[in-house]
């Protein structure tokens, strides 16, 4: 897939849904990454249940 095709695909996504949202709950891009990884193995609802307890316990390093 070349750059022209990728650009066209993303243009169509943006036209179809200009302001996409997610059901996942997060406060930072790092938390979103973790939630997305978890959601590959579980439902968004169960990920939110787990991360509501887990995220407040996380100490994020500045690099993230």
C-alpha atoms as a PDB file:
ATOM      1  CA  UNK A   1       0.000   0.000   0.000  1.00  0.00           C
ATOM      2  CA  UNK A   2       1.558   3.288  -1.033  1.00  0.00           C
ATOM      3  CA  UNK A   3       1.223   6.756   0.531  1.00  0.00           C
ATOM      4  CA  UNK A   4      -1.448   7.874  -1.940  1.00  0.00           C
ATOM      5  CA  UNK A   5      -3.712   4.952  -1.099  1.00  0.00           C
ATOM      6  CA  UNK A   6      -3.159   5.424   2.669  1.00  0.00           C
ATOM      7  CA  UNK A   7      -4.006   9.115   2.362  1.00  0.00           C
ATOM      8  CA  UNK A   8      -7.194   8.295   0.453  1.00  0.00           C
ATOM      9  CA  UNK A   9      -8.251   5.716   3.061  1.00  0.00           C
ATOM     10  CA  UNK A  10      -7.740   8.149   5.945  1.00  0.00           C
ATOM     11  CA  UNK A  11      -9.527  10.919   4.022  1.00  0.00           C
ATOM     12  CA  UNK A  12     -12.539   8.646   3.620  1.00  0.00           C
ATOM     13  CA  UNK A  13     -12.464   7.700   7.313  1.00  0.00           C
ATOM     14  CA  UNK A  14     -12.345  11.383   8.274  1.00  0.00           C
ATOM     15  CA  UNK A  15     -15.191  12.275   5.917  1.00  0.00           C
ATOM     16  CA  UNK A  16     -17.352   9.450   7.249  1.00  0.00           C
ATOM     17  CA  UNK A  17     -16.614  10.154  10.922  1.00  0.00           C
ATOM     18  CA  UNK A  18     -14.969  13.561  11.475  1.00  0.00           C
ATOM     19  CA  UNK A  19     -14.963  13.326  15.287  1.00  0.00           C
ATOM     20  CA  UNK A  20     -14.422   9.676  16.252  1.00  0.00           C
ATOM     21  CA  UNK A  21     -14.871   8.664  19.890  1.00  0.00           C
ATOM     22  CA  UNK A  22     -14.265   5.581  21.962  1.00  0.00           C
ATOM     23  CA  UNK A  23     -16.052   3.918  24.838  1.00  0.00           C
ATOM     24  CA  UNK A  24     -12.736   3.317  26.566  1.00  0.00           C
ATOM     25  CA  UNK A  25     -12.018   5.520  29.584  1.00  0.00           C
ATOM     26  CA  UNK A  26      -8.567   7.150  29.809  1.00  0.00           C
ATOM     27  CA  UNK A  27      -6.797  10.321  30.932  1.00  0.00           C
ATOM     28  CA  UNK A  28      -3.628  10.182  28.840  1.00  0.00           C
ATOM     29  CA  UNK A  29      -2.433   8.797  25.535  1.00  0.00           C
ATOM     30  CA  UNK A  30      -0.432   6.165  27.442  1.00  0.00           C
ATOM     31  CA  UNK A  31      -3.574   5.027  29.279  1.00  0.00           C
ATOM     32  CA  UNK A  32      -5.393   4.897  25.935  1.00  0.00           C
ATOM     33  CA  UNK A  33      -2.630   2.683  24.544  1.00  0.00           C
ATOM     34  CA  UNK A  34      -2.934   0.282  27.493  1.00  0.00           C
ATOM     35  CA  UNK A  35      -6.743   0.255  27.239  1.00  0.00           C
ATOM     36  CA  UNK A  36      -6.611  -0.479  23.494  1.00  0.00           C
ATOM     37  CA  UNK A  37      -4.182  -3.355  24.065  1.00  0.00           C
ATOM     38  CA  UNK A  38      -6.456  -4.792  26.756  1.00  0.00           C
ATOM     39  CA  UNK A  39      -9.556  -4.320  24.605  1.00  0.00           C
ATOM     40  CA  UNK A  40      -8.075  -6.618  21.966  1.00  0.00           C
ATOM     41  CA  UNK A  41      -8.616  -9.445  24.455  1.00  0.00           C
ATOM     42  CA  UNK A  42     -11.776  -8.267  26.233  1.00  0.00           C
ATOM     43  CA  UNK A  43     -14.806  -6.036  25.805  1.00  0.00           C
ATOM     44  CA  UNK A  44     -14.536  -2.274  26.291  1.00  0.00           C
ATOM     45  CA  UNK A  45     -16.910  -2.574  29.252  1.00  0.00           C
ATOM     46  CA  UNK A  46     -14.691  -5.091  31.058  1.00  0.00           C
ATOM     47  CA  UNK A  47     -11.563  -3.062  30.229  1.00  0.00           C
ATOM     48  CA  UNK A  48     -13.185   0.030  31.778  1.00  0.00           C
ATOM     49  CA  UNK A  49     -14.028  -1.941  34.920  1.00  0.00           C
ATOM     50  CA  UNK A  50     -10.419  -3.088  35.263  1.00  0.00           C
ATOM     51  CA  UNK A  51      -8.767   0.207  34.358  1.00  0.00           C
ATOM     52  CA  UNK A  52     -10.925   2.266  36.745  1.00  0.00           C
ATOM     53  CA  UNK A  53      -9.074   0.487  39.551  1.00  0.00           C
ATOM     54  CA  UNK A  54      -5.720   0.078  37.802  1.00  0.00           C
ATOM     55  CA  UNK A  55      -5.050   3.519  36.293  1.00  0.00           C
ATOM     56  CA  UNK A  56      -5.217   5.463  39.586  1.00  0.00           C
ATOM     57  CA  UNK A  57      -2.478   3.159  40.935  1.00  0.00           C
ATOM     58  CA  UNK A  58      -0.133   3.735  37.998  1.00  0.00           C
ATOM     59  CA  UNK A  59       2.810   6.052  38.424  1.00  0.00           C
ATOM     60  CA  UNK A  60       3.602   7.354  34.965  1.00  0.00           C
ATOM     61  CA  UNK A  61       7.145   8.209  34.039  1.00  0.00           C
ATOM     62  CA  UNK A  62       7.796  11.518  32.284  1.00  0.00           C
ATOM     63  CA  UNK A  63       8.915   9.761  29.091  1.00  0.00           C
ATOM     64  CA  UNK A  64       5.360   8.614  28.471  1.00  0.00           C
END
